[in-house]
C-alpha atoms as a PDB file:
ATOM      1  CA  UNK A   1      49.157  46.811  62.285  1.00  0.00           C
ATOM      2  CA  UNK A   2      46.965  49.776  63.116  1.00  0.00           C
ATOM      3  CA  UNK A   3      44.902  47.594  65.352  1.00  0.00           C
ATOM      4  CA  UNK A   4      47.992  46.416  67.296  1.00  0.00           C
ATOM      5  CA  UNK A   5      49.233  49.970  67.754  1.00  0.00           C
ATOM      6  CA  UNK A   6      45.794  50.935  68.912  1.00  0.00           C
ATOM      7  CA  UNK A   7      45.834  48.138  71.473  1.00  0.00           C
ATOM      8  CA  UNK A   8      49.318  49.114  72.699  1.00  0.00           C
ATOM      9  CA  UNK A   9      48.175  52.692  73.057  1.00  0.00           C
ATOM     10  CA  UNK A  10      45.132  51.566  75.011  1.00  0.00           C
ATOM     11  CA  UNK A  11      47.326  49.436  77.290  1.00  0.00           C
ATOM     12  CA  UNK A  12      49.724  52.274  77.881  1.00  0.00           C
ATOM     13  CA  UNK A  13      46.885  54.567  78.680  1.00  0.00           C
ATOM     14  CA  UNK A  14      45.372  52.133  81.077  1.00  0.00           C
ATOM     15  CA  UNK A  15      48.699  51.563  82.747  1.00  0.00           C
ATOM     16  CA  UNK A  16      49.073  55.254  83.101  1.00  0.00           C
ATOM     17  CA  UNK A  17      45.654  55.432  84.563  1.00  0.00           C
ATOM     18  CA  UNK A  18      46.682  52.881  87.160  1.00  0.00           C
ATOM     19  CA  UNK A  19      44.536  49.985  85.855  1.00  0.00           C
ATOM     20  CA  UNK A  20      45.641  46.536  86.866  1.00  0.00           C
ATOM     21  CA  UNK A  21      47.987  44.936  84.320  1.00  0.00           C
ATOM     22  CA  UNK A  22      46.253  41.538  84.632  1.00  0.00           C
ATOM     23  CA  UNK A  23      42.977  43.001  83.636  1.00  0.00           C
ATOM     24  CA  UNK A  24      44.600  44.679  80.703  1.00  0.00           C
ATOM     25  CA  UNK A  25      46.240  41.426  79.648  1.00  0.00           C
ATOM     26  CA  UNK A  26      42.906  39.657  79.720  1.00  0.00           C
ATOM     27  CA  UNK A  27      41.360  42.354  77.617  1.00  0.00           C
ATOM     28  CA  UNK A  28      44.256  42.163  75.210  1.00  0.00           C
ATOM     29  CA  UNK A  29      44.014  38.390  74.876  1.00  0.00           C
ATOM     30  CA  UNK A  30      40.258  38.620  74.377  1.00  0.00           C
ATOM     31  CA  UNK A  31      40.675  41.239  71.673  1.00  0.00           C
ATOM     32  CA  UNK A  32      43.307  39.182  69.860  1.00  0.00           C
ATOM     33  CA  UNK A  33      41.160  36.085  70.047  1.00  0.00           C
ATOM     34  CA  UNK A  34      38.231  38.014  68.616  1.00  0.00           C
ATOM     35  CA  UNK A  35      40.510  39.256  65.864  1.00  0.00           C
ATOM     36  CA  UNK A  36      41.690  35.740  65.044  1.00  0.00           C
ATOM     37  CA  UNK A  37      38.133  34.401  65.138  1.00  0.00           C
ATOM     38  CA  UNK A  38      36.967  37.122  62.802  1.00  0.00           C
ATOM     39  CA  UNK A  39      39.805  36.323  60.427  1.00  0.00           C
ATOM     40  CA  UNK A  40      38.960  32.638  60.613  1.00  0.00           C
ATOM     41  CA  UNK A  41      35.256  33.366  60.026  1.00  0.00           C
ATOM     42  CA  UNK A  42      36.174  35.554  57.068  1.00  0.00           C
ATOM     43  CA  UNK A  43      38.389  32.831  55.599  1.00  0.00           C
ATOM     44  CA  UNK A  44      35.666  30.216  56.162  1.00  0.00           C
ATOM     45  CA  UNK A  45      33.088  32.431  54.495  1.00  0.00           C
ATOM     46  CA  UNK A  46      35.433  33.033  51.575  1.00  0.00           C
ATOM     47  CA  UNK A  47      36.090  29.321  51.265  1.00  0.00           C
ATOM     48  CA  UNK A  48      32.367  28.600  51.333  1.00  0.00           C
ATOM     49  CA  UNK A  49      31.774  31.203  48.635  1.00  0.00           C
ATOM     50  CA  UNK A  50      34.559  29.710  46.500  1.00  0.00           C
ATOM     51  CA  UNK A  51      33.092  26.260  47.043  1.00  0.00           C
ATOM     52  CA  UNK A  52      29.614  27.468  46.183  1.00  0.00           C
ATOM     53  CA  UNK A  53      30.978  29.183  43.078  1.00  0.00           C
ATOM     54  CA  UNK A  54      32.730  25.984  41.992  1.00  0.00           C
ATOM     55  CA  UNK A  55      29.569  23.974  42.677  1.00  0.00           C
ATOM     56  CA  UNK A  56      27.543  26.518  40.657  1.00  0.00           C
ATOM     57  CA  UNK A  57      30.009  26.287  37.778  1.00  0.00           C
ATOM     58  CA  UNK A  58      29.871  22.478  37.966  1.00  0.00           C
ATOM     59  CA  UNK A  59      26.068  22.549  38.096  1.00  0.00           C
ATOM     60  CA  UNK A  60      25.935  24.888  35.101  1.00  0.00           C
ATOM     61  CA  UNK A  61      28.215  22.540  33.168  1.00  0.00           C
ATOM     62  CA  UNK A  62      26.019  19.591  34.075  1.00  0.00           C
ATOM     63  CA  UNK A  63      22.961  21.578  33.016  1.00  0.00           C
ATOM     64  CA  UNK A  64      24.563  22.419  29.659  1.00  0.00           C
ATOM     65  CA  UNK A  65      25.482  18.757  29.211  1.00  0.00           C
ATOM     66  CA  UNK A  66      21.934  17.752  30.101  1.00  0.00           C
ATOM     67  CA  UNK A  67      20.503  20.252  27.612  1.00  0.00           C
ATOM     68  CA  UNK A  68      22.833  18.941  24.900  1.00  0.00           C
ATOM     69  CA  UNK A  69      21.839  15.369  25.716  1.00  0.00           C
ATOM     70  CA  UNK A  70      18.165  16.378  25.665  1.00  0.00           C
ATOM     71  CA  UNK A  71      18.577  18.001  22.237  1.00  0.00           C
ATOM     72  CA  UNK A  72      20.326  14.915  20.891  1.00  0.00           C
ATOM     73  CA  UNK A  73      17.689  12.646  22.416  1.00  0.00           C
ATOM     74  CA  UNK A  74      14.894  14.751  20.880  1.00  0.00           C
ATOM     75  CA  UNK A  75      16.565  14.534  17.464  1.00  0.00           C
ATOM     76  CA  UNK A  76      17.011  10.777  17.829  1.00  0.00           C
ATOM     77  CA  UNK A  77      13.382  10.461  18.894  1.00  0.00           C
ATOM     78  CA  UNK A  78      12.235  12.374  15.805  1.00  0.00           C
ATOM     79  CA  UNK A  79      14.425  10.168  13.603  1.00  0.00           C
ATOM     80  CA  UNK A  80      13.124   6.980  15.205  1.00  0.00           C
ATOM     81  CA  UNK A  81       9.515   8.237  14.895  1.00  0.00           C
ATOM     82  CA  UNK A  82      10.054   8.934  11.181  1.00  0.00           C
ATOM     83  CA  UNK A  83      11.472   5.429  10.778  1.00  0.00           C
ATOM     84  CA  UNK A  84       8.496   3.989  12.649  1.00  0.00           C
ATOM     85  CA  UNK A  85       6.056   5.937  10.452  1.00  0.00           C
ATOM     86  CA  UNK A  86       7.844   4.690   7.329  1.00  0.00           C
ATOM     87  CA  UNK A  87       7.722   1.115   8.621  1.00  0.00           C
ATOM     88  CA  UNK A  88       4.006   1.514   9.330  1.00  0.00           C
ATOM     89  CA  UNK A  89       3.416   2.857   5.809  1.00  0.00           C
ATOM     90  CA  UNK A  90       5.351   0.012   4.255  1.00  0.00           C
ATOM     91  CA  UNK A  91       3.518  -2.507   6.414  1.00  0.00           C
ATOM     92  CA  UNK A  92       0.167  -1.058   5.288  1.00  0.00           C
ATOM     93  CA  UNK A  93       1.285  -1.112   1.648  1.00  0.00           C
ATOM     94  CA  UNK A  94       2.511  -4.691   1.957  1.00  0.00           C
ATOM     95  CA  UNK A  95      -0.779  -5.715   3.565  1.00  0.00           C
ATOM     96  CA  UNK A  96      -2.726  -4.103   0.688  1.00  0.00           C
ATOM     97  CA  UNK A  97      -0.474  -5.834  -1.865  1.00  0.00           C
ATOM     98  CA  UNK A  98      -0.965  -9.115  -0.051  1.00  0.00           C
ATOM     99  CA  UNK A  99      -4.751  -8.725  -0.129  1.00  0.00           C
ATOM    100  CA  UNK A 100      -4.660  -7.844  -3.847  1.00  0.00           C
ATOM    101  CA  UNK A 101      -2.416 -10.812  -4.572  1.00  0.00           C
ATOM    102  CA  UNK A 102      -4.766 -13.094  -2.678  1.00  0.00           C
ATOM    103  CA  UNK A 103      -7.759 -11.808  -4.626  1.00  0.00           C
ATOM    104  CA  UNK A 104      -5.910 -12.252  -7.921  1.00  0.00           C
ATOM    105  CA  UNK A 105      -4.907 -15.760  -6.871  1.00  0.00           C
ATOM    106  CA  UNK A 106      -8.516 -16.601  -5.991  1.00  0.00           C
ATOM    107  CA  UNK A 107      -9.700 -15.214  -9.341  1.00  0.00           C
ATOM    108  CA  UNK A 108      -7.022 -17.161 -11.202  1.00  0.00           C
ATOM    109  CA  UNK A 109      -7.965 -20.282  -9.282  1.00  0.00           C
ATOM    110  CA  UNK A 110     -11.636 -19.808 -10.187  1.00  0.00           C
ATOM    111  CA  UNK A 111     -10.734 -19.334 -13.844  1.00  0.00           C
ATOM    112  CA  UNK A 112      -8.518 -22.397 -13.727  1.00  0.00           C
ATOM    113  CA  UNK A 113     -11.371 -24.386 -12.190  1.00  0.00           C
ATOM    114  CA  UNK A 114     -13.675 -23.136 -14.964  1.00  0.00           C
ATOM    115  CA  UNK A 115     -11.160 -24.232 -17.604  1.00  0.00           C
ATOM    116  CA  UNK A 116     -10.935 -27.613 -15.910  1.00  0.00           C
ATOM    117  CA  UNK A 117     -14.719 -27.994 -15.983  1.00  0.00           C
ATOM    118  CA  UNK A 118     -15.044 -27.293 -19.726  1.00  0.00           C
ATOM    119  CA  UNK A 119     -12.042 -29.493 -20.457  1.00  0.00           C
ATOM    120  CA  UNK A 120     -10.116 -26.891 -22.494  1.00  0.00           C
ATOM    121  CA  UNK A 121      -6.592 -25.917 -21.390  1.00  0.00           C
ATOM    122  CA  UNK A 122      -5.803 -22.211 -20.907  1.00  0.00           C
ATOM    123  CA  UNK A 123      -3.422 -22.227 -23.908  1.00  0.00           C
ATOM    124  CA  UNK A 124      -6.235 -23.430 -26.157  1.00  0.00           C
ATOM    125  CA  UNK A 125      -8.590 -20.797 -24.712  1.00  0.00           C
ATOM    126  CA  UNK A 126      -6.103 -18.049 -25.623  1.00  0.00           C
ATOM    127  CA  UNK A 127      -5.825 -19.440 -29.152  1.00  0.00           C
ATOM    128  CA  UNK A 128      -9.602 -19.548 -29.510  1.00  0.00           C
ATOM    129  CA  UNK A 129      -9.945 -15.986 -28.223  1.00  0.00           C
ATOM    130  CA  UNK A 130      -7.325 -14.789 -30.699  1.00  0.00           C
ATOM    131  CA  UNK A 131      -9.121 -16.572 -33.541  1.00  0.00           C
ATOM    132  CA  UNK A 132     -12.446 -15.115 -32.383  1.00  0.00           C
ATOM    133  CA  UNK A 133     -10.973 -11.600 -32.378  1.00  0.00           C
ATOM    134  CA  UNK A 134      -9.636 -12.139 -35.888  1.00  0.00           C
ATOM    135  CA  UNK A 135     -12.997 -13.492 -37.053  1.00  0.00           C
ATOM    136  CA  UNK A 136     -14.807 -10.481 -35.608  1.00  0.00           C
ATOM    137  CA  UNK A 137     -12.431  -8.101 -37.366  1.00  0.00           C
ATOM    138  CA  UNK A 138     -12.938  -9.944 -40.660  1.00  0.00           C
ATOM    139  CA  UNK A 139     -16.701  -9.932 -40.117  1.00  0.00           C
ATOM    140  CA  UNK A 140     -16.744  -6.181 -39.422  1.00  0.00           C
ATOM    141  CA  UNK A 141     -14.658  -5.552 -42.523  1.00  0.00           C
ATOM    142  CA  UNK A 142     -17.000  -7.748 -44.567  1.00  0.00           C
ATOM    143  CA  UNK A 143     -20.082  -5.939 -43.238  1.00  0.00           C
ATOM    144  CA  UNK A 144     -18.534  -2.573 -44.065  1.00  0.00           C
ATOM    145  CA  UNK A 145     -17.688  -3.720 -47.593  1.00  0.00           C
ATOM    146  CA  UNK A 146     -21.152  -5.225 -47.886  1.00  0.00           C
ATOM    147  CA  UNK A 147     -22.787  -1.908 -46.984  1.00  0.00           C
ATOM    148  CA  UNK A 148     -20.654  -0.149 -49.578  1.00  0.00           C
ATOM    149  CA  UNK A 149     -21.586  -2.757 -52.200  1.00  0.00           C
ATOM    150  CA  UNK A 150     -25.279  -2.483 -51.351  1.00  0.00           C
ATOM    151  CA  UNK A 151     -25.117   1.301 -51.771  1.00  0.00           C
ATOM    152  CA  UNK A 152     -23.374   0.875 -55.123  1.00  0.00           C
ATOM    153  CA  UNK A 153     -25.954  -1.730 -56.213  1.00  0.00           C
ATOM    154  CA  UNK A 154     -28.829   0.539 -55.194  1.00  0.00           C
ATOM    155  CA  UNK A 155     -27.219   3.434 -57.021  1.00  0.00           C
ATOM    156  CA  UNK A 156     -26.666   1.353 -60.163  1.00  0.00           C
ATOM    157  CA  UNK A 157     -30.198  -0.029 -59.920  1.00  0.00           C
ATOM    158  CA  UNK A 158     -31.532   3.516 -59.697  1.00  0.00           C
ATOM    159  CA  UNK A 159     -29.472   4.581 -62.714  1.00  0.00           C
ATOM    160  CA  UNK A 160     -30.644   1.538 -64.637  1.00  0.00           C
ATOM    161  CA  UNK A 161     -34.285   2.144 -63.776  1.00  0.00           C
ATOM    162  CA  UNK A 162     -34.075   5.521 -65.497  1.00  0.00           C
ATOM    163  CA  UNK A 163     -33.833   3.672 -68.785  1.00  0.00           C
ATOM    164  CA  UNK A 164     -35.584   0.350 -68.377  1.00  0.00           C
ATOM    165  CA  UNK A 165     -38.170   1.141 -65.725  1.00  0.00           C
ATOM    166  CA  UNK A 166     -38.722   4.856 -65.229  1.00  0.00           C
ATOM    167  CA  UNK A 167     -41.959   4.198 -63.366  1.00  0.00           C
ATOM    168  CA  UNK A 168     -40.388   1.764 -60.915  1.00  0.00           C
ATOM    169  CA  UNK A 169     -40.451   3.305 -57.362  1.00  0.00           C
ATOM    170  CA  UNK A 170     -37.116   3.936 -55.691  1.00  0.00           C
ATOM    171  CA  UNK A 171     -37.082   2.439 -52.189  1.00  0.00           C
ATOM    172  CA  UNK A 172     -35.368   4.556 -49.517  1.00  0.00           C
ATOM    173  CA  UNK A 173     -34.401   3.331 -45.986  1.00  0.00           C
ATOM    174  CA  UNK A 174     -37.414   3.473 -43.687  1.00  0.00           C
ATOM    175  CA  UNK A 175     -35.254   4.973 -40.907  1.00  0.00           C
ATOM    176  CA  UNK A 176     -34.069   7.842 -43.124  1.00  0.00           C
ATOM    177  CA  UNK A 177     -34.534  11.262 -41.517  1.00  0.00           C
ATOM    178  CA  UNK A 178     -33.302  14.644 -42.697  1.00  0.00           C
ATOM    179  CA  UNK A 179     -33.821  18.391 -42.577  1.00  0.00           C
ATOM    180  CA  UNK A 180     -34.460  21.047 -45.214  1.00  0.00           C
ATOM    181  CA  UNK A 181     -31.470  23.436 -45.136  1.00  0.00           C
ATOM    182  CA  UNK A 182     -32.346  25.676 -48.128  1.00  0.00           C
ATOM    183  CA  UNK A 183     -35.431  26.472 -50.243  1.00  0.00           C
ATOM    184  CA  UNK A 184     -36.022  28.250 -53.553  1.00  0.00           C
ATOM    185  CA  UNK A 185     -39.850  28.766 -53.681  1.00  0.00           C
ATOM    186  CA  UNK A 186     -39.684  30.186 -57.174  1.00  0.00           C
ATOM    187  CA  UNK A 187     -38.464  26.932 -58.685  1.00  0.00           C
ATOM    188  CA  UNK A 188     -39.813  24.591 -55.933  1.00  0.00           C
ATOM    189  CA  UNK A 189     -36.191  23.600 -55.282  1.00  0.00           C
ATOM    190  CA  UNK A 190     -34.968  22.269 -51.882  1.00  0.00           C
ATOM    191  CA  UNK A 191     -31.628  21.227 -50.360  1.00  0.00           C
ATOM    192  CA  UNK A 192     -31.428  18.501 -47.689  1.00  0.00           C
ATOM    193  CA  UNK A 193     -28.684  17.730 -45.121  1.00  0.00           C
ATOM    194  CA  UNK A 194     -28.656  13.990 -45.982  1.00  0.00           C
ATOM    195  CA  UNK A 195     -26.966  12.265 -48.888  1.00  0.00           C
ATOM    196  CA  UNK A 196     -25.496   9.067 -50.212  1.00  0.00           C
ATOM    197  CA  UNK A 197     -23.990   8.021 -46.859  1.00  0.00           C
ATOM    198  CA  UNK A 198     -27.499   7.921 -45.326  1.00  0.00           C
ATOM    199  CA  UNK A 199     -28.932   5.932 -48.235  1.00  0.00           C
ATOM    200  CA  UNK A 200     -30.509   8.725 -50.302  1.00  0.00           C
ATOM    201  CA  UNK A 201     -31.016   7.752 -53.974  1.00  0.00           C
ATOM    202  CA  UNK A 202     -31.951   9.748 -57.060  1.00  0.00           C
ATOM    203  CA  UNK A 203     -35.661   9.693 -57.888  1.00  0.00           C
ATOM    204  CA  UNK A 204     -36.419   8.712 -54.307  1.00  0.00           C
ATOM    205  CA  UNK A 205     -39.386  10.505 -52.780  1.00  0.00           C
ATOM    206  CA  UNK A 206     -39.626  12.054 -49.301  1.00  0.00           C
ATOM    207  CA  UNK A 207     -42.460  13.612 -47.338  1.00  0.00           C
ATOM    208  CA  UNK A 208     -41.926  17.076 -45.848  1.00  0.00           C
ATOM    209  CA  UNK A 209     -43.217  17.287 -42.277  1.00  0.00           C
ATOM    210  CA  UNK A 210     -43.635  20.248 -39.942  1.00  0.00           C
ATOM    211  CA  UNK A 211     -44.789  19.662 -36.358  1.00  0.00           C
ATOM    212  CA  UNK A 212     -46.505  16.421 -37.360  1.00  0.00           C
ATOM    213  CA  UNK A 213     -48.329  17.983 -40.332  1.00  0.00           C
ATOM    214  CA  UNK A 214     -47.702  17.048 -43.992  1.00  0.00           C
ATOM    215  CA  UNK A 215     -46.417  20.051 -45.916  1.00  0.00           C
ATOM    216  CA  UNK A 216     -45.348  18.641 -49.296  1.00  0.00           C
ATOM    217  CA  UNK A 217     -43.704  15.753 -51.115  1.00  0.00           C
ATOM    218  CA  UNK A 218     -40.376  16.056 -52.884  1.00  0.00           C
ATOM    219  CA  UNK A 219     -38.425  13.930 -55.351  1.00  0.00           C
ATOM    220  CA  UNK A 220     -34.644  13.689 -55.195  1.00  0.00           C
ATOM    221  CA  UNK A 221     -32.920  14.883 -58.365  1.00  0.00           C
ATOM    222  CA  UNK A 222     -29.257  14.821 -57.331  1.00  0.00           C
ATOM    223  CA  UNK A 223     -27.271  13.179 -54.529  1.00  0.00           C
ATOM    224  CA  UNK A 224     -23.887  13.984 -53.004  1.00  0.00           C
ATOM    225  CA  UNK A 225     -22.019  12.346 -50.140  1.00  0.00           C
ATOM    226  CA  UNK A 226     -23.728  14.301 -47.323  1.00  0.00           C
ATOM    227  CA  UNK A 227     -26.215  16.426 -49.236  1.00  0.00           C
ATOM    228  CA  UNK A 228     -29.053  15.957 -51.711  1.00  0.00           C
ATOM    229  CA  UNK A 229     -31.284  18.121 -53.894  1.00  0.00           C
ATOM    230  CA  UNK A 230     -34.884  17.760 -54.919  1.00  0.00           C
ATOM    231  CA  UNK A 231     -38.050  19.368 -56.306  1.00  0.00           C
ATOM    232  CA  UNK A 232     -41.524  19.717 -54.804  1.00  0.00           C
ATOM    233  CA  UNK A 233     -43.937  17.413 -56.648  1.00  0.00           C
ATOM    234  CA  UNK A 234     -47.004  19.070 -58.173  1.00  0.00           C
ATOM    235  CA  UNK A 235     -50.219  18.323 -56.331  1.00  0.00           C
ATOM    236  CA  UNK A 236     -48.427  17.552 -53.059  1.00  0.00           C
ATOM    237  CA  UNK A 237     -48.034  21.088 -51.793  1.00  0.00           C
ATOM    238  CA  UNK A 238     -50.123  21.861 -48.702  1.00  0.00           C
ATOM    239  CA  UNK A 239     -47.962  24.788 -47.687  1.00  0.00           C
ATOM    240  CA  UNK A 240     -44.699  26.495 -48.547  1.00  0.00           C
ATOM    241  CA  UNK A 241     -41.640  24.381 -47.658  1.00  0.00           C
ATOM    242  CA  UNK A 242     -39.390  26.173 -45.151  1.00  0.00           C
ATOM    243  CA  UNK A 243     -35.881  25.741 -43.816  1.00  0.00           C
ATOM    244  CA  UNK A 244     -35.949  23.449 -40.777  1.00  0.00           C
ATOM    245  CA  UNK A 245     -38.803  21.255 -42.052  1.00  0.00           C
ATOM    246  CA  UNK A 246     -38.233  17.531 -41.511  1.00  0.00           C
ATOM    247  CA  UNK A 247     -38.217  14.911 -44.289  1.00  0.00           C
ATOM    248  CA  UNK A 248     -38.837  11.164 -44.106  1.00  0.00           C
ATOM    249  CA  UNK A 249     -39.812   8.368 -46.541  1.00  0.00           C
END
């Protein structure tokens, strides 16, 4: 409105000044056209901005959708990779089991071939093995009882020899080895760390050794399960018996 009033005022002034009305009309038309063009340009620019804003909003939405899809795809990829790793592990485990089964089959086949060669069926082999195990157990039990009986016989023989053959030598195991653990020099009395379980017998005689040198000879006077006692024999003392000296038959 201000612009129109301004134009009217300009026209009036020009008319007053004696300017040609045609020229004024042309100026007026030109000014109005410029005004309309400016309005049109402004509307076009506004429309373009609105369009660009809508396109930006649409692009942002598409970008958000793409990011969401990318996140979902990444999660799916991780899940599928875990499944693939698990399948690979299972395949490796199955392959190892298959190889082990093949080896066991080959071993079983070889054993079966061996059974076929000797002409004894597997069931009979198992029976024989069971009987062999039983026989070994019975043998071990017999040997243990036999050792106990031998010790008792030797002990009884030693006791008997005190009365019917006091001069009969008492035979000790050749592998017998022991150590002096206590000494009483005043009474020529010694204590050894070996006893009945090792085959020591009363009246048995042992040599006392120190670093390969003969020290004395002792005679056993009393025997316990894992300990024995004796006296140094006269005439067999080359030195004083000490703790730690070794004894042997």
